[in-house]
Amino acid sequence: MENISRIKWACRRGMLELDVILMPFVENHYADLPQAEKDLFQVLLDGDDPVLFAWFMGHEECPNEALTQLIKKIHKLNGALV
């Protein structure tokens, strides 16, 4: 079982834009994810802020298809337009 407090802490980034995307997702949707997506989300959290920002904003394409699908899911569940 994952430590949700550790995951929430990892969502607190150096960029407010990422905090606004990641924190609501963890608070509202993370618990409902299948374990494989939870594991993938934790891999995503290991990324550098500028890279994650570029992927979430659509400025760069993520080279990993599974992460790309998770990013799209996060946007959808958060109700984001990007």
PDB file of N, CA and C in Angstrom:
ATOM      1  N   MET A   1       0.852  -1.191   0.000  1.00  0.00           N
ATOM      2  CA  MET A   1       0.000   0.000   0.000  1.00  0.00           C
ATOM      3  C   MET A   1       0.892   1.247   0.000  1.00  0.00           C
ATOM      4  N   GLU A   2       0.549   2.189  -0.838  1.00  0.00           N
ATOM      5  CA  GLU A   2       1.368   3.393  -0.947  1.00  0.00           C
ATOM      6  C   GLU A   2       1.091   4.354   0.206  1.00  0.00           C
ATOM      7  N   ASN A   3       2.032   5.212   0.429  1.00  0.00           N
ATOM      8  CA  ASN A   3       1.915   6.212   1.470  1.00  0.00           C
ATOM      9  C   ASN A   3       1.363   7.489   0.828  1.00  0.00           C
ATOM     10  N   ILE A   4       0.081   7.753   1.019  1.00  0.00           N
ATOM     11  CA  ILE A   4      -0.572   8.893   0.360  1.00  0.00           C
ATOM     12  C   ILE A   4       0.029  10.215   0.813  1.00  0.00           C
ATOM     13  N   SER A   5       0.494  10.287   2.042  1.00  0.00           N
ATOM     14  CA  SER A   5       1.132  11.523   2.506  1.00  0.00           C
ATOM     15  C   SER A   5       2.403  11.803   1.719  1.00  0.00           C
ATOM     16  N   ARG A   6       3.183  10.746   1.437  1.00  0.00           N
ATOM     17  CA  ARG A   6       4.405  10.905   0.657  1.00  0.00           C
ATOM     18  C   ARG A   6       4.069  11.331  -0.774  1.00  0.00           C
ATOM     19  N   ILE A   7       3.018  10.787  -1.321  1.00  0.00           N
ATOM     20  CA  ILE A   7       2.609  11.137  -2.683  1.00  0.00           C
ATOM     21  C   ILE A   7       2.141  12.588  -2.727  1.00  0.00           C
ATOM     22  N   LYS A   8       1.353  13.003  -1.748  1.00  0.00           N
ATOM     23  CA  LYS A   8       0.916  14.406  -1.704  1.00  0.00           C
ATOM     24  C   LYS A   8       2.110  15.337  -1.572  1.00  0.00           C
ATOM     25  N   TRP A   9       3.088  14.949  -0.763  1.00  0.00           N
ATOM     26  CA  TRP A   9       4.281  15.776  -0.600  1.00  0.00           C
ATOM     27  C   TRP A   9       5.026  15.874  -1.932  1.00  0.00           C
ATOM     28  N   ALA A  10       5.119  14.776  -2.665  1.00  0.00           N
ATOM     29  CA  ALA A  10       5.811  14.766  -3.952  1.00  0.00           C
ATOM     30  C   ALA A  10       5.080  15.618  -4.993  1.00  0.00           C
ATOM     31  N   CYS A  11       3.790  15.848  -4.787  1.00  0.00           N
ATOM     32  CA  CYS A  11       3.013  16.681  -5.706  1.00  0.00           C
ATOM     33  C   CYS A  11       3.245  18.167  -5.467  1.00  0.00           C
ATOM     34  N   ARG A  12       3.832  18.500  -4.357  1.00  0.00           N
ATOM     35  CA  ARG A  12       4.162  19.903  -4.070  1.00  0.00           C
ATOM     36  C   ARG A  12       5.453  20.208  -4.810  1.00  0.00           C
ATOM     37  N   ARG A  13       5.318  20.901  -5.913  1.00  0.00           N
ATOM     38  CA  ARG A  13       6.439  21.119  -6.811  1.00  0.00           C
ATOM     39  C   ARG A  13       6.981  22.529  -6.660  1.00  0.00           C
ATOM     40  N   GLY A  14       8.027  22.805  -7.408  1.00  0.00           N
ATOM     41  CA  GLY A  14       8.592  24.141  -7.430  1.00  0.00           C
ATOM     42  C   GLY A  14       7.840  25.087  -8.342  1.00  0.00           C
ATOM     43  N   MET A  15       6.875  24.547  -9.074  1.00  0.00           N
ATOM     44  CA  MET A  15       6.090  25.365 -10.008  1.00  0.00           C
ATOM     45  C   MET A  15       4.627  25.312  -9.584  1.00  0.00           C
ATOM     46  N   LEU A  16       4.060  26.467  -9.332  1.00  0.00           N
ATOM     47  CA  LEU A  16       2.652  26.547  -8.927  1.00  0.00           C
ATOM     48  C   LEU A  16       1.744  25.879  -9.954  1.00  0.00           C
ATOM     49  N   GLU A  17       2.069  26.025 -11.231  1.00  0.00           N
ATOM     50  CA  GLU A  17       1.239  25.443 -12.290  1.00  0.00           C
ATOM     51  C   GLU A  17       1.118  23.929 -12.131  1.00  0.00           C
ATOM     52  N   LEU A  18       2.198  23.277 -11.727  1.00  0.00           N
ATOM     53  CA  LEU A  18       2.146  21.829 -11.517  1.00  0.00           C
ATOM     54  C   LEU A  18       1.384  21.487 -10.246  1.00  0.00           C
ATOM     55  N   ASP A  19       1.548  22.294  -9.209  1.00  0.00           N
ATOM     56  CA  ASP A  19       0.785  22.071  -7.971  1.00  0.00           C
ATOM     57  C   ASP A  19      -0.714  22.094  -8.268  1.00  0.00           C
ATOM     58  N   VAL A  20      -1.128  23.034  -9.087  1.00  0.00           N
ATOM     59  CA  VAL A  20      -2.552  23.211  -9.413  1.00  0.00           C
ATOM     60  C   VAL A  20      -3.099  22.024 -10.204  1.00  0.00           C
ATOM     61  N   ILE A  21      -2.241  21.353 -10.930  1.00  0.00           N
ATOM     62  CA  ILE A  21      -2.656  20.174 -11.695  1.00  0.00           C
ATOM     63  C   ILE A  21      -2.596  18.920 -10.828  1.00  0.00           C
ATOM     64  N   LEU A  22      -1.496  18.730 -10.137  1.00  0.00           N
ATOM     65  CA  LEU A  22      -1.248  17.468  -9.451  1.00  0.00           C
ATOM     66  C   LEU A  22      -2.015  17.311  -8.137  1.00  0.00           C
ATOM     67  N   MET A  23      -2.068  18.359  -7.332  1.00  0.00           N
ATOM     68  CA  MET A  23      -2.717  18.221  -6.019  1.00  0.00           C
ATOM     69  C   MET A  23      -4.201  17.872  -6.110  1.00  0.00           C
ATOM     70  N   PRO A  24      -4.996  18.582  -6.923  1.00  0.00           N
ATOM     71  CA  PRO A  24      -6.408  18.203  -7.006  1.00  0.00           C
ATOM     72  C   PRO A  24      -6.600  16.775  -7.529  1.00  0.00           C
ATOM     73  N   PHE A  25      -5.739  16.377  -8.457  1.00  0.00           N
ATOM     74  CA  PHE A  25      -5.831  15.018  -8.987  1.00  0.00           C
ATOM     75  C   PHE A  25      -5.608  13.992  -7.881  1.00  0.00           C
ATOM     76  N   VAL A  26      -4.573  14.191  -7.086  1.00  0.00           N
ATOM     77  CA  VAL A  26      -4.285  13.240  -6.009  1.00  0.00           C
ATOM     78  C   VAL A  26      -5.407  13.249  -4.976  1.00  0.00           C
ATOM     79  N   GLU A  27      -5.859  14.424  -4.618  1.00  0.00           N
ATOM     80  CA  GLU A  27      -6.897  14.522  -3.586  1.00  0.00           C
ATOM     81  C   GLU A  27      -8.239  13.954  -4.034  1.00  0.00           C
ATOM     82  N   ASN A  28      -8.553  14.072  -5.325  1.00  0.00           N
ATOM     83  CA  ASN A  28      -9.886  13.681  -5.797  1.00  0.00           C
ATOM     84  C   ASN A  28      -9.955  12.379  -6.580  1.00  0.00           C
ATOM     85  N   HIS A  29      -8.840  11.933  -7.155  1.00  0.00           N
ATOM     86  CA  HIS A  29      -8.931  10.803  -8.084  1.00  0.00           C
ATOM     87  C   HIS A  29      -7.903   9.693  -7.875  1.00  0.00           C
ATOM     88  N   TYR A  30      -6.800  10.003  -7.239  1.00  0.00           N
ATOM     89  CA  TYR A  30      -5.711   9.025  -7.121  1.00  0.00           C
ATOM     90  C   TYR A  30      -6.182   7.709  -6.506  1.00  0.00           C
ATOM     91  N   ALA A  31      -6.946   7.777  -5.452  1.00  0.00           N
ATOM     92  CA  ALA A  31      -7.378   6.564  -4.740  1.00  0.00           C
ATOM     93  C   ALA A  31      -8.180   5.622  -5.634  1.00  0.00           C
ATOM     94  N   ASP A  32      -8.828   6.154  -6.662  1.00  0.00           N
ATOM     95  CA  ASP A  32      -9.665   5.336  -7.547  1.00  0.00           C
ATOM     96  C   ASP A  32      -8.899   4.706  -8.704  1.00  0.00           C
ATOM     97  N   LEU A  33      -7.629   5.050  -8.851  1.00  0.00           N
ATOM     98  CA  LEU A  33      -6.844   4.509  -9.961  1.00  0.00           C
ATOM     99  C   LEU A  33      -6.527   3.038  -9.739  1.00  0.00           C
ATOM    100  N   PRO A  34      -6.431   2.278 -10.842  1.00  0.00           N
ATOM    101  CA  PRO A  34      -5.892   0.916 -10.703  1.00  0.00           C
ATOM    102  C   PRO A  34      -4.433   0.993 -10.255  1.00  0.00           C
ATOM    103  N   GLN A  35      -3.946  -0.049  -9.634  1.00  0.00           N
ATOM    104  CA  GLN A  35      -2.585  -0.039  -9.096  1.00  0.00           C
ATOM    105  C   GLN A  35      -1.544   0.283 -10.157  1.00  0.00           C
ATOM    106  N   ALA A  36      -1.720  -0.217 -11.371  1.00  0.00           N
ATOM    107  CA  ALA A  36      -0.741   0.052 -12.437  1.00  0.00           C
ATOM    108  C   ALA A  36      -0.634   1.551 -12.716  1.00  0.00           C
ATOM    109  N   GLU A  37      -1.766   2.263 -12.691  1.00  0.00           N
ATOM    110  CA  GLU A  37      -1.738   3.709 -12.918  1.00  0.00           C
ATOM    111  C   GLU A  37      -1.184   4.451 -11.711  1.00  0.00           C
ATOM    112  N   LYS A  38      -1.418   3.941 -10.518  1.00  0.00           N
ATOM    113  CA  LYS A  38      -0.810   4.538  -9.325  1.00  0.00           C
ATOM    114  C   LYS A  38       0.710   4.439  -9.420  1.00  0.00           C
ATOM    115  N   ASP A  39       1.186   3.280  -9.824  1.00  0.00           N
ATOM    116  CA  ASP A  39       2.631   3.091  -9.981  1.00  0.00           C
ATOM    117  C   ASP A  39       3.179   4.032 -11.048  1.00  0.00           C
ATOM    118  N   LEU A  40       2.462   4.175 -12.143  1.00  0.00           N
ATOM    119  CA  LEU A  40       2.882   5.056 -13.230  1.00  0.00           C
ATOM    120  C   LEU A  40       2.877   6.518 -12.778  1.00  0.00           C
ATOM    121  N   PHE A  41       1.895   6.900 -11.978  1.00  0.00           N
ATOM    122  CA  PHE A  41       1.845   8.261 -11.458  1.00  0.00           C
ATOM    123  C   PHE A  41       3.075   8.551 -10.600  1.00  0.00           C
ATOM    124  N   GLN A  42       3.491   7.576  -9.827  1.00  0.00           N
ATOM    125  CA  GLN A  42       4.678   7.765  -9.005  1.00  0.00           C
ATOM    126  C   GLN A  42       5.931   7.903  -9.875  1.00  0.00           C
ATOM    127  N   VAL A  43       5.966   7.213 -11.005  1.00  0.00           N
ATOM    128  CA  VAL A  43       7.069   7.393 -11.965  1.00  0.00           C
ATOM    129  C   VAL A  43       7.026   8.819 -12.511  1.00  0.00           C
ATOM    130  N   LEU A  44       5.828   9.291 -12.836  1.00  0.00           N
ATOM    131  CA  LEU A  44       5.664  10.654 -13.343  1.00  0.00           C
ATOM    132  C   LEU A  44       6.205  11.676 -12.344  1.00  0.00           C
ATOM    133  N   LEU A  45       5.946  11.457 -11.076  1.00  0.00           N
ATOM    134  CA  LEU A  45       6.399  12.388 -10.038  1.00  0.00           C
ATOM    135  C   LEU A  45       7.917  12.469  -9.928  1.00  0.00           C
ATOM    136  N   ASP A  46       8.609  11.482 -10.448  1.00  0.00           N
ATOM    137  CA  ASP A  46      10.075  11.503 -10.430  1.00  0.00           C
ATOM    138  C   ASP A  46      10.645  12.435 -11.501  1.00  0.00           C
ATOM    139  N   GLY A  47       9.792  12.914 -12.402  1.00  0.00           N
ATOM    140  CA  GLY A  47      10.250  13.798 -13.479  1.00  0.00           C
ATOM    141  C   GLY A  47      10.615  15.185 -12.975  1.00  0.00           C
ATOM    142  N   ASP A  48      11.426  15.865 -13.751  1.00  0.00           N
ATOM    143  CA  ASP A  48      11.816  17.238 -13.438  1.00  0.00           C
ATOM    144  C   ASP A  48      10.678  18.197 -13.764  1.00  0.00           C
ATOM    145  N   ASP A  49      10.540  19.232 -12.958  1.00  0.00           N
ATOM    146  CA  ASP A  49       9.456  20.189 -13.140  1.00  0.00           C
ATOM    147  C   ASP A  49       9.373  20.784 -14.549  1.00  0.00           C
ATOM    148  N   PRO A  50      10.469  21.268 -15.131  1.00  0.00           N
ATOM    149  CA  PRO A  50      10.346  21.856 -16.471  1.00  0.00           C
ATOM    150  C   PRO A  50       9.847  20.862 -17.520  1.00  0.00           C
ATOM    151  N   VAL A  51      10.257  19.618 -17.386  1.00  0.00           N
ATOM    152  CA  VAL A  51       9.816  18.580 -18.330  1.00  0.00           C
ATOM    153  C   VAL A  51       8.336  18.290 -18.126  1.00  0.00           C
ATOM    154  N   LEU A  52       7.936  18.101 -16.866  1.00  0.00           N
ATOM    155  CA  LEU A  52       6.518  17.846 -16.585  1.00  0.00           C
ATOM    156  C   LEU A  52       5.650  19.010 -17.044  1.00  0.00           C
ATOM    157  N   PHE A  53       6.103  20.212 -16.799  1.00  0.00           N
ATOM    158  CA  PHE A  53       5.350  21.393 -17.227  1.00  0.00           C
ATOM    159  C   PHE A  53       5.162  21.375 -18.749  1.00  0.00           C
ATOM    160  N   ALA A  54       6.225  21.099 -19.472  1.00  0.00           N
ATOM    161  CA  ALA A  54       6.146  21.071 -20.936  1.00  0.00           C
ATOM    162  C   ALA A  54       5.171  19.991 -21.404  1.00  0.00           C
ATOM    163  N   TRP A  55       5.185  18.845 -20.762  1.00  0.00           N
ATOM    164  CA  TRP A  55       4.263  17.768 -21.142  1.00  0.00           C
ATOM    165  C   TRP A  55       2.822  18.129 -20.818  1.00  0.00           C
ATOM    166  N   PHE A  56       2.574  18.638 -19.620  1.00  0.00           N
ATOM    167  CA  PHE A  56       1.208  18.965 -19.222  1.00  0.00           C
ATOM    168  C   PHE A  56       0.632  20.127 -20.025  1.00  0.00           C
ATOM    169  N   MET A  57       1.472  21.061 -20.413  1.00  0.00           N
ATOM    170  CA  MET A  57       1.007  22.212 -21.185  1.00  0.00           C
ATOM    171  C   MET A  57       0.956  21.933 -22.680  1.00  0.00           C
ATOM    172  N   GLY A  58       1.464  20.786 -23.088  1.00  0.00           N
ATOM    173  CA  GLY A  58       1.456  20.435 -24.496  1.00  0.00           C
ATOM    174  C   GLY A  58       2.551  21.105 -25.305  1.00  0.00           C
ATOM    175  N   HIS A  59       3.555  21.654 -24.634  1.00  0.00           N
ATOM    176  CA  HIS A  59       4.663  22.308 -25.330  1.00  0.00           C
ATOM    177  C   HIS A  59       5.627  21.289 -25.913  1.00  0.00           C
ATOM    178  N   GLU A  60       5.694  20.121 -25.284  1.00  0.00           N
ATOM    179  CA  GLU A  60       6.527  19.020 -25.754  1.00  0.00           C
ATOM    180  C   GLU A  60       5.720  17.741 -25.632  1.00  0.00           C
ATOM    181  N   GLU A  61       6.062  16.781 -26.471  1.00  0.00           N
ATOM    182  CA  GLU A  61       5.399  15.485 -26.425  1.00  0.00           C
ATOM    183  C   GLU A  61       6.187  14.551 -25.517  1.00  0.00           C
ATOM    184  N   CYS A  62       5.497  13.890 -24.630  1.00  0.00           N
ATOM    185  CA  CYS A  62       6.124  12.909 -23.758  1.00  0.00           C
ATOM    186  C   CYS A  62       6.511  11.691 -24.610  1.00  0.00           C
ATOM    187  N   PRO A  63       7.746  11.207 -24.481  1.00  0.00           N
ATOM    188  CA  PRO A  63       8.173  10.080 -25.302  1.00  0.00           C
ATOM    189  C   PRO A  63       7.617   8.730 -24.844  1.00  0.00           C
ATOM    190  N   ASN A  64       6.995   8.687 -23.682  1.00  0.00           N
ATOM    191  CA  ASN A  64       6.462   7.447 -23.124  1.00  0.00           C
ATOM    192  C   ASN A  64       4.942   7.443 -23.299  1.00  0.00           C
ATOM    193  N   GLU A  65       4.433   6.512 -24.089  1.00  0.00           N
ATOM    194  CA  GLU A  65       2.997   6.479 -24.391  1.00  0.00           C
ATOM    195  C   GLU A  65       2.142   6.272 -23.143  1.00  0.00           C
ATOM    196  N   ALA A  66       2.593   5.430 -22.231  1.00  0.00           N
ATOM    197  CA  ALA A  66       1.820   5.192 -21.012  1.00  0.00           C
ATOM    198  C   ALA A  66       1.717   6.464 -20.177  1.00  0.00           C
ATOM    199  N   LEU A  67       2.817   7.206 -20.070  1.00  0.00           N
ATOM    200  CA  LEU A  67       2.775   8.479 -19.341  1.00  0.00           C
ATOM    201  C   LEU A  67       1.905   9.489 -20.061  1.00  0.00           C
ATOM    202  N   THR A  68       1.964   9.491 -21.392  1.00  0.00           N
ATOM    203  CA  THR A  68       1.121  10.399 -22.177  1.00  0.00           C
ATOM    204  C   THR A  68      -0.351  10.134 -21.889  1.00  0.00           C
ATOM    205  N   GLN A  69      -0.730   8.873 -21.842  1.00  0.00           N
ATOM    206  CA  GLN A  69      -2.121   8.528 -21.558  1.00  0.00           C
ATOM    207  C   GLN A  69      -2.519   8.929 -20.140  1.00  0.00           C
ATOM    208  N   LEU A  70      -1.598   8.789 -19.198  1.00  0.00           N
ATOM    209  CA  LEU A  70      -1.889   9.200 -17.821  1.00  0.00           C
ATOM    210  C   LEU A  70      -2.042  10.713 -17.732  1.00  0.00           C
ATOM    211  N   ILE A  71      -1.199  11.453 -18.427  1.00  0.00           N
ATOM    212  CA  ILE A  71      -1.307  12.912 -18.442  1.00  0.00           C
ATOM    213  C   ILE A  71      -2.660  13.326 -19.010  1.00  0.00           C
ATOM    214  N   LYS A  72      -3.091  12.673 -20.082  1.00  0.00           N
ATOM    215  CA  LYS A  72      -4.410  12.969 -20.663  1.00  0.00           C
ATOM    216  C   LYS A  72      -5.519  12.655 -19.669  1.00  0.00           C
ATOM    217  N   LYS A  73      -5.381  11.558 -18.953  1.00  0.00           N
ATOM    218  CA  LYS A  73      -6.385  11.186 -17.956  1.00  0.00           C
ATOM    219  C   LYS A  73      -6.439  12.213 -16.830  1.00  0.00           C
ATOM    220  N   ILE A  74      -5.279  12.671 -16.385  1.00  0.00           N
ATOM    221  CA  ILE A  74      -5.229  13.684 -15.326  1.00  0.00           C
ATOM    222  C   ILE A  74      -5.946  14.947 -15.789  1.00  0.00           C
ATOM    223  N   HIS A  75      -5.665  15.380 -17.016  1.00  0.00           N
ATOM    224  CA  HIS A  75      -6.346  16.556 -17.562  1.00  0.00           C
ATOM    225  C   HIS A  75      -7.859  16.342 -17.599  1.00  0.00           C
ATOM    226  N   LYS A  76      -8.275  15.196 -18.080  1.00  0.00           N
ATOM    227  CA  LYS A  76      -9.706  14.906 -18.197  1.00  0.00           C
ATOM    228  C   LYS A  76     -10.386  14.901 -16.821  1.00  0.00           C
ATOM    229  N   LEU A  77      -9.779  14.213 -15.883  1.00  0.00           N
ATOM    230  CA  LEU A  77     -10.389  14.117 -14.552  1.00  0.00           C
ATOM    231  C   LEU A  77     -10.375  15.455 -13.815  1.00  0.00           C
ATOM    232  N   ASN A  78      -9.383  16.276 -14.094  1.00  0.00           N
ATOM    233  CA  ASN A  78      -9.319  17.607 -13.489  1.00  0.00           C
ATOM    234  C   ASN A  78     -10.222  18.601 -14.215  1.00  0.00           C
ATOM    235  N   GLY A  79     -10.719  18.220 -15.368  1.00  0.00           N
ATOM    236  CA  GLY A  79     -11.559  19.126 -16.142  1.00  0.00           C
ATOM    237  C   GLY A  79     -10.764  20.181 -16.870  1.00  0.00           C
ATOM    238  N   ALA A  80      -9.478  19.884 -17.144  1.00  0.00           N
ATOM    239  CA  ALA A  80      -8.609  20.850 -17.828  1.00  0.00           C
ATOM    240  C   ALA A  80      -8.918  20.926 -19.306  1.00  0.00           C
ATOM    241  N   LEU A  81      -8.622  22.046 -19.896  1.00  0.00           N
ATOM    242  CA  LEU A  81      -8.861  22.263 -21.322  1.00  0.00           C
ATOM    243  C   LEU A  81      -7.647  21.904 -22.168  1.00  0.00           C
ATOM    244  N   VAL A  82      -6.490  21.778 -21.537  1.00  0.00           N
ATOM    245  CA  VAL A  82      -5.254  21.478 -22.292  1.00  0.00           C
ATOM    246  C   VAL A  82      -5.179  20.006 -22.593  1.00  0.00           C
TER     247      VAL A  82
END
